[in-house]
């Protein structure tokens, strides 16, 4: 179960423990990253999932998950796309088969969910779908960043892989986000986009949705942040706080978690959505992009190391684990998340779950509270 608690994930994993030989493990894992590429046609727009569709999702019968006994068989089945190449790997971790099976099961589940709930959306990839996808050409990676799911440290790692930096530990937060030299896939011409989508490994890391939401709130509203307080805090306080002080209206400081949730659930928000709390489904478009590797924040160290070894990255390169923004803050764990949601009503909590319902289903996270339906 890769160290993931039942409350974090309900994934069905293989019981294989890597005792069948390194060659077999490499063959299995490389099969995981062989991707069928959706035909690309630019440009065309995607229709968004509206609140009515979310209600339909909630009332649809549950989808069946991949049976654990079939995972090993599924791993040995290659894609028909023989053009995708995977770099040779100098050494194979002992947990190769287990992580390979996990990734394969996640990919299969995403495909099932997309077929069930989003079969009618246009499958053409547009430049708008690629805005959050960053390119690393040397090791042929396409990484879709999901804020509050390890994206800063992944961008540090991409900078080192690309040769823009020599040590992940020395890259400052502002450099990562404002001077990294990493290019978004939407900045390439159509030929460059199509080539990379067909031949590069497409990577996505996700996180338990309501924990990610709380983490975003704590980062942007509980700590000094002039940009978010001014842009989001001022309109949130003005609309949702009764008898707000002139100082609060002027600065946007001190947005409460309840006010933040009121804003999130308001169909007439005074200010739009932000990438730090938008759905992964909206940021990275997994039903269109067909990701080769879907990792989880809850098991970041093991799964990121697996991916780096698979692509042939330098053996001493590890995804950093430090937190350079508000490092003294306690990590947003299950307990921390529960304490924040105790500040809102049961109805609001249910509506937040409904809001992130597609992410919960797509990436196989269980309900975080027993009273949700």
Protein backbone atom coordinates (compact mmCIF):
# COMPACT_ATOMS: atom_id res chain seq x y z
CA UNK A 1 0.00 0.00 0.00
CA UNK A 2 3.09 2.25 -0.35
CA UNK A 3 2.60 3.70 3.10
CA UNK A 4 -0.71 5.37 2.20
CA UNK A 5 -3.40 5.20 4.85
CA UNK A 6 -6.93 4.05 3.92
CA UNK A 7 -8.17 7.58 4.50
CA UNK A 8 -5.68 8.89 1.96
CA UNK A 9 -6.26 6.34 -0.77
CA UNK A 10 -8.30 3.28 -1.60
CA UNK A 11 -5.96 2.04 -4.30
CA UNK A 12 -5.68 -1.66 -5.01
CA UNK A 13 -2.00 -2.51 -5.26
CA UNK A 14 -0.06 -5.52 -6.42
CA UNK A 15 1.42 -7.86 -3.83
CA UNK A 16 4.51 -8.31 -6.03
CA UNK A 17 7.63 -7.35 -4.06
CA UNK A 18 10.31 -7.25 -6.74
CA UNK A 19 11.71 -10.78 -6.47
CA UNK A 20 11.33 -11.79 -10.13
CA UNK A 21 14.57 -10.28 -11.42
CA UNK A 22 15.64 -6.80 -12.51
CA UNK A 23 15.11 -7.43 -16.23
CA UNK A 24 11.47 -8.37 -15.74
CA UNK A 25 10.93 -5.34 -13.52
CA UNK A 26 12.47 -3.00 -16.09
CA UNK A 27 10.27 -4.47 -18.83
CA UNK A 28 7.17 -4.02 -16.66
CA UNK A 29 7.98 -0.46 -15.70
CA UNK A 30 8.85 0.59 -19.24
CA UNK A 31 5.49 -0.77 -20.34
CA UNK A 32 3.90 1.60 -17.85
CA UNK A 33 5.39 4.59 -19.65
CA UNK A 34 4.48 3.51 -23.18
CA UNK A 35 1.56 5.77 -24.01
CA UNK A 36 -1.14 5.80 -26.64
CA UNK A 37 -1.16 9.41 -27.81
CA UNK A 38 -4.49 11.05 -28.50
CA UNK A 39 -4.56 12.69 -31.96
CA UNK A 40 -3.71 16.36 -31.61
CA UNK A 41 -5.53 19.08 -33.49
CA UNK A 42 -4.98 22.76 -32.71
CA UNK A 43 -6.90 24.84 -31.88
CA UNK A 44 -10.26 23.76 -30.47
CA UNK A 45 -11.95 24.61 -27.18
CA UNK A 46 -12.98 22.24 -24.38
CA UNK A 47 -16.36 22.47 -22.71
CA UNK A 48 -16.10 22.87 -18.93
CA UNK A 49 -17.88 20.60 -16.47
CA UNK A 50 -20.58 22.70 -14.83
CA UNK A 51 -22.39 22.27 -11.53
CA UNK A 52 -25.17 20.31 -13.21
CA UNK A 53 -22.69 17.72 -14.44
CA UNK A 54 -21.24 17.38 -10.93
CA UNK A 55 -24.70 16.48 -9.69
CA UNK A 56 -24.94 13.84 -12.42
CA UNK A 57 -21.58 12.42 -11.33
CA UNK A 58 -22.83 12.08 -7.77
CA UNK A 59 -25.90 10.11 -8.83
CA UNK A 60 -24.14 7.77 -11.28
CA UNK A 61 -23.44 4.18 -10.21
CA UNK A 62 -19.91 3.57 -8.87
CA UNK A 63 -17.27 2.47 -11.31
CA UNK A 64 -15.52 -0.84 -10.78
CA UNK A 65 -11.82 -0.70 -9.90
CA UNK A 66 -9.08 -2.90 -11.28
CA UNK A 67 -8.81 -6.19 -9.43
CA UNK A 68 -5.50 -6.73 -7.66
CA UNK A 69 -5.14 -10.21 -9.17
CA UNK A 70 -5.17 -8.73 -12.69
CA UNK A 71 -2.55 -6.02 -12.17
CA UNK A 72 0.46 -8.20 -12.95
CA UNK A 73 -1.22 -9.34 -16.16
CA UNK A 74 -2.04 -5.76 -17.10
CA UNK A 75 1.54 -4.67 -16.56
CA UNK A 76 2.84 -7.17 -19.08
CA UNK A 77 0.54 -5.78 -21.79
CA UNK A 78 2.30 -3.12 -23.84
CA UNK A 79 0.76 -0.21 -25.69
CA UNK A 80 0.55 -0.36 -29.47
CA UNK A 81 2.65 2.82 -29.71
CA UNK A 82 6.14 1.47 -30.39
CA UNK A 83 7.67 4.87 -31.13
CA UNK A 84 7.90 5.99 -27.48
CA UNK A 85 11.36 5.32 -26.11
CA UNK A 86 12.46 4.99 -22.51
CA UNK A 87 16.10 5.64 -21.55
CA UNK A 88 18.10 2.73 -20.19
CA UNK A 89 18.22 2.47 -16.43
CA UNK A 90 21.54 1.77 -14.70
CA UNK A 91 19.97 0.19 -11.62
CA UNK A 92 16.54 -1.07 -10.69
CA UNK A 93 15.07 -0.39 -7.22
CA UNK A 94 13.78 -3.35 -5.26
CA UNK A 95 10.30 -1.84 -5.18
CA UNK A 96 10.13 -1.65 -9.00
CA UNK A 97 7.22 -4.05 -9.55
CA UNK A 98 5.07 -2.63 -6.77
CA UNK A 99 5.35 1.00 -7.91
CA UNK A 100 4.94 -0.03 -11.55
CA UNK A 101 1.72 -1.83 -10.71
CA UNK A 102 0.47 1.16 -8.73
CA UNK A 103 1.09 3.56 -11.61
CA UNK A 104 -0.54 1.19 -14.09
CA UNK A 105 -3.62 0.85 -11.88
CA UNK A 106 -3.92 4.63 -11.59
CA UNK A 107 -3.70 5.11 -15.33
CA UNK A 108 -6.33 2.46 -15.93
CA UNK A 109 -8.66 4.04 -13.39
CA UNK A 110 -8.31 7.49 -14.96
CA UNK A 111 -9.16 6.01 -18.35
CA UNK A 112 -12.22 4.29 -16.90
CA UNK A 113 -13.38 7.46 -15.21
CA UNK A 114 -12.88 9.51 -18.35
CA UNK A 115 -14.79 6.98 -20.42
CA UNK A 116 -17.62 6.93 -17.92
CA UNK A 117 -18.01 10.61 -17.06
CA UNK A 118 -16.33 12.60 -19.85
CA UNK A 119 -16.75 10.58 -23.00
CA UNK A 120 -18.53 13.46 -24.71
CA UNK A 121 -15.84 16.14 -24.33
CA UNK A 122 -13.69 17.11 -27.34
CA UNK A 123 -10.47 15.08 -27.37
CA UNK A 124 -8.45 17.67 -29.26
CA UNK A 125 -5.60 19.24 -27.30
CA UNK A 126 -5.46 23.04 -27.40
CA UNK A 127 -2.82 25.50 -26.25
CA UNK A 128 -5.08 26.26 -23.28
CA UNK A 129 -4.66 22.69 -22.02
CA UNK A 130 -0.86 23.06 -21.95
CA UNK A 131 -0.38 26.19 -19.85
CA UNK A 132 0.64 24.31 -16.67
CA UNK A 133 2.75 21.67 -18.44
CA UNK A 134 6.50 22.30 -18.17
CA UNK A 135 9.05 20.88 -20.58
CA UNK A 136 12.37 19.19 -19.83
CA UNK A 137 14.00 18.33 -23.15
CA UNK A 138 17.16 16.48 -22.08
CA UNK A 139 15.31 13.67 -20.32
CA UNK A 140 12.11 14.17 -22.33
CA UNK A 141 9.67 14.97 -19.54
CA UNK A 142 6.40 16.88 -19.59
CA UNK A 143 5.41 17.79 -16.02
CA UNK A 144 2.00 19.28 -15.24
CA UNK A 145 2.31 21.29 -12.06
CA UNK A 146 -0.37 21.00 -9.39
CA UNK A 147 0.24 23.67 -6.74
CA UNK A 148 0.40 22.37 -3.16
CA UNK A 149 1.31 18.90 -4.44
CA UNK A 150 5.09 19.23 -4.45
CA UNK A 151 5.32 21.40 -7.55
CA UNK A 152 8.07 23.74 -6.27
CA UNK A 153 10.42 20.85 -5.57
CA UNK A 154 9.58 19.20 -8.86
CA UNK A 155 10.39 22.41 -10.68
CA UNK A 156 13.72 22.55 -8.82
CA UNK A 157 14.40 19.02 -10.03
CA UNK A 158 13.52 19.93 -13.63
CA UNK A 159 15.93 22.87 -13.44
CA UNK A 160 18.77 20.54 -12.44
CA UNK A 161 17.84 18.00 -15.12
CA UNK A 162 17.84 20.78 -17.71
CA UNK A 163 21.21 22.13 -16.61
CA UNK A 164 19.86 25.46 -15.32
CA UNK A 165 21.09 24.68 -11.81
CA UNK A 166 23.54 22.24 -10.26
CA UNK A 167 21.97 21.63 -6.85
CA UNK A 168 18.27 21.46 -5.97
CA UNK A 169 18.98 22.50 -2.38
CA UNK A 170 20.33 25.92 -3.39
CA UNK A 171 17.45 27.08 -5.61
CA UNK A 172 15.38 29.76 -3.90
CA UNK A 173 11.59 29.85 -4.08
CA UNK A 174 11.45 33.04 -6.16
CA UNK A 175 13.97 31.61 -8.62
CA UNK A 176 11.83 28.48 -9.01
CA UNK A 177 8.69 30.40 -9.86
CA UNK A 178 9.94 33.57 -11.53
CA UNK A 179 13.39 32.87 -13.02
CA UNK A 180 13.58 29.12 -13.59
CA UNK A 181 14.00 29.28 -17.41
CA UNK A 182 11.60 26.35 -17.67
CA UNK A 183 9.26 26.65 -20.63
CA UNK A 184 5.58 25.83 -20.66
CA UNK A 185 4.46 23.53 -23.45
CA UNK A 186 2.01 26.13 -24.72
CA UNK A 187 4.98 28.33 -25.74
CA UNK A 188 6.02 25.93 -28.50
CA UNK A 189 4.68 25.96 -32.03
CA UNK A 190 2.20 23.29 -33.07
CA UNK A 191 4.89 21.02 -34.49
CA UNK A 192 6.93 21.24 -31.29
CA UNK A 193 3.86 20.54 -29.16
CA UNK A 194 2.82 17.51 -31.17
CA UNK A 195 6.36 16.07 -31.21
CA UNK A 196 6.71 16.33 -27.44
CA UNK A 197 3.26 14.95 -26.70
CA UNK A 198 4.05 11.90 -28.80
CA UNK A 199 7.56 11.17 -27.58
CA UNK A 200 7.98 12.59 -24.05
CA UNK A 201 6.93 11.06 -20.73
CA UNK A 202 3.92 12.96 -19.38
CA UNK A 203 3.96 13.27 -15.58
CA UNK A 204 1.36 14.34 -13.02
CA UNK A 205 1.47 14.34 -9.21
CA UNK A 206 -1.76 14.78 -7.23
CA UNK A 207 -2.78 15.23 -3.59
CA UNK A 208 -5.78 14.53 -1.37
CA UNK A 209 -8.09 17.38 -2.55
CA UNK A 210 -9.33 18.77 0.76
CA UNK A 211 -5.87 18.60 2.33
CA UNK A 212 -4.53 20.46 -0.69
CA UNK A 213 -7.26 23.09 -0.24
CA UNK A 214 -6.39 23.63 3.42
CA UNK A 215 -2.70 23.81 2.56
CA UNK A 216 -3.43 26.51 -0.02
CA UNK A 217 -5.54 28.52 2.43
CA UNK A 218 -2.85 28.38 5.13
CA UNK A 219 -0.11 29.38 2.72
CA UNK A 220 -1.92 32.27 1.05
CA UNK A 221 -4.08 33.72 3.82
CA UNK A 222 -2.54 32.86 7.19
CA UNK A 223 0.91 34.12 6.28
CA UNK A 224 2.08 37.50 4.94
CA UNK A 225 1.25 37.65 1.25
CA UNK A 226 0.44 41.07 -0.15
CA UNK A 227 -0.55 39.72 -3.56
CA UNK A 228 -3.17 37.23 -2.35
CA UNK A 229 -4.43 39.43 0.46
CA UNK A 230 -4.93 42.30 -1.94
CA UNK A 231 -6.30 40.34 -4.91
CA UNK A 232 -8.41 37.76 -3.05
CA UNK A 233 -8.60 38.86 0.58
CA UNK A 234 -10.14 42.28 -0.02
CA UNK A 235 -13.11 41.10 -2.12
CA UNK A 236 -13.65 38.03 0.09
CA UNK A 237 -13.82 40.11 3.26
CA UNK A 238 -15.98 42.77 1.59
CA UNK A 239 -18.57 40.22 0.48
CA UNK A 240 -18.68 37.65 3.28
CA UNK A 241 -17.74 39.45 6.50
CA UNK A 242 -20.50 41.23 8.38
CA UNK A 243 -19.41 44.61 9.72
CA UNK A 244 -15.90 44.28 8.35
CA UNK A 245 -13.52 46.94 9.63
CA UNK A 246 -12.12 49.55 7.29
CA UNK A 247 -8.64 48.16 7.91
CA UNK A 248 -9.69 44.65 6.88
CA UNK A 249 -11.39 45.94 3.74
CA UNK A 250 -8.33 47.96 2.87
CA UNK A 251 -5.65 45.30 3.42
CA UNK A 252 -7.46 42.00 2.85
CA UNK A 253 -5.62 40.57 5.86
CA UNK A 254 -7.18 37.97 8.13
CA UNK A 255 -9.51 36.02 5.81
CA UNK A 256 -11.01 33.23 7.93
CA UNK A 257 -11.28 29.66 6.68
CA UNK A 258 -15.07 29.91 6.74
CA UNK A 259 -14.97 33.04 4.58
CA UNK A 260 -12.61 31.29 2.20
CA UNK A 261 -15.02 28.35 1.90
CA UNK A 262 -17.94 30.71 1.32
CA UNK A 263 -15.98 32.24 -1.55
CA UNK A 264 -15.06 28.83 -2.99
CA UNK A 265 -18.67 27.62 -3.03
CA UNK A 266 -20.20 30.86 -4.34
CA UNK A 267 -21.27 30.56 -7.99
CA UNK A 268 -21.06 34.37 -8.10
CA UNK A 269 -17.58 34.71 -6.61
CA UNK A 270 -16.32 38.28 -6.29
CA UNK A 271 -12.97 37.11 -7.71
CA UNK A 272 -12.20 34.12 -9.93
CA UNK A 273 -10.52 30.81 -9.17
CA UNK A 274 -6.80 30.33 -8.56
CA UNK A 275 -4.50 27.48 -9.55
CA UNK A 276 -3.66 26.74 -5.91
CA UNK A 277 -7.18 25.47 -5.21
CA UNK A 278 -8.58 24.72 -8.66
CA UNK A 279 -9.33 21.09 -9.53
CA UNK A 280 -6.54 18.94 -10.94
CA UNK A 281 -9.06 17.96 -13.60
CA UNK A 282 -9.20 21.62 -14.67
CA UNK A 283 -5.46 22.30 -14.43
CA UNK A 284 -3.99 19.23 -16.11
CA UNK A 285 -6.88 17.77 -18.14
CA UNK A 286 -6.12 14.06 -17.59
CA UNK A 287 -8.95 12.93 -19.88
CA UNK A 288 -7.22 14.66 -22.79
CA UNK A 289 -3.52 14.52 -21.95
CA UNK A 290 -3.27 10.76 -21.28
CA UNK A 291 -0.54 10.95 -18.62
CA UNK A 292 2.06 8.18 -18.55
CA UNK A 293 2.93 8.57 -14.88
CA UNK A 294 0.48 9.63 -12.16
CA UNK A 295 2.14 9.96 -8.78
CA UNK A 296 0.79 10.95 -5.39
CA UNK A 297 2.01 13.55 -2.93
CA UNK A 298 1.33 11.10 -0.09
CA UNK A 299 4.09 8.84 -1.38
CA UNK A 300 6.21 11.46 -3.10
CA UNK A 301 9.66 10.25 -2.08
CA UNK A 302 9.29 6.66 -3.27
CA UNK A 303 7.41 7.44 -6.48
CA UNK A 304 9.53 10.42 -7.55
CA UNK A 305 12.70 8.40 -6.98
CA UNK A 306 11.23 5.59 -9.08
CA UNK A 307 10.51 8.00 -11.93
CA UNK A 308 13.94 9.66 -11.79
CA UNK A 309 15.71 6.30 -11.90
CA UNK A 310 13.46 5.18 -14.74
CA UNK A 311 14.35 8.12 -16.99
CA UNK A 312 18.07 7.68 -16.30
CA UNK A 313 18.53 10.80 -14.18
CA UNK A 314 21.85 11.14 -12.30
CA UNK A 315 21.92 8.61 -9.48
CA UNK A 316 22.59 11.28 -6.85
CA UNK A 317 19.60 13.41 -7.88
CA UNK A 318 16.69 13.14 -5.48
CA UNK A 319 13.53 15.21 -5.28
CA UNK A 320 14.10 17.64 -2.40
CA UNK A 321 11.81 17.39 0.59
CA UNK A 322 12.38 20.76 2.25
CA UNK A 323 9.77 23.50 2.54
CA UNK A 324 11.19 26.95 1.91
CA UNK A 325 7.94 28.93 2.36
CA UNK A 326 6.75 29.18 5.94
CA UNK A 327 9.03 26.29 7.00
CA UNK A 328 7.97 26.50 10.64
CA UNK A 329 4.32 25.79 9.81
CA UNK A 330 3.07 22.33 10.68
CA UNK A 331 2.49 20.13 7.65
CA UNK A 332 -1.13 19.98 6.50
CA UNK A 333 -1.91 16.46 7.67
CA UNK A 334 -5.26 14.71 8.09
CA UNK A 335 -5.52 16.05 11.65
CA UNK A 336 -4.80 19.60 10.54
CA UNK A 337 -7.35 19.33 7.73
CA UNK A 338 -10.00 18.07 10.16
CA UNK A 339 -9.38 20.97 12.53
CA UNK A 340 -9.99 23.49 9.75
CA UNK A 341 -13.14 21.82 8.50
CA UNK A 342 -14.52 21.83 12.03
CA UNK A 343 -14.90 25.59 11.50
CA UNK A 344 -17.54 25.17 8.76
CA UNK A 345 -20.99 23.61 8.73
CA UNK A 346 -21.69 20.03 7.72
CA UNK A 347 -23.48 21.35 4.64
CA UNK A 348 -20.48 23.44 3.60
CA UNK A 349 -18.16 20.49 4.14
CA UNK A 350 -20.37 18.31 1.94
CA UNK A 351 -20.41 20.98 -0.77
CA UNK A 352 -16.62 21.21 -0.74
CA UNK A 353 -16.43 17.45 -1.24
CA UNK A 354 -18.93 17.75 -4.07
CA UNK A 355 -16.83 20.53 -5.59
CA UNK A 356 -13.76 18.26 -5.71
CA UNK A 357 -15.75 15.12 -6.46
CA UNK A 358 -14.16 14.51 -9.85
CA UNK A 359 -10.65 14.69 -8.38
CA UNK A 360 -11.65 12.26 -5.61
CA UNK A 361 -13.01 9.80 -8.15
CA UNK A 362 -10.38 10.29 -10.85
CA UNK A 363 -7.45 9.72 -8.51
CA UNK A 364 -9.08 7.24 -6.15
CA UNK A 365 -9.09 9.13 -2.87
CA UNK A 366 -11.57 7.98 -0.27
CA UNK A 367 -14.01 10.29 1.52
CA UNK A 368 -12.07 12.24 4.15
CA UNK A 369 -15.01 12.41 6.58
CA UNK A 370 -17.43 9.68 7.61
CA UNK A 371 -20.48 11.94 7.42
CA UNK A 372 -20.04 12.71 3.70
CA UNK A 373 -22.30 11.09 1.15
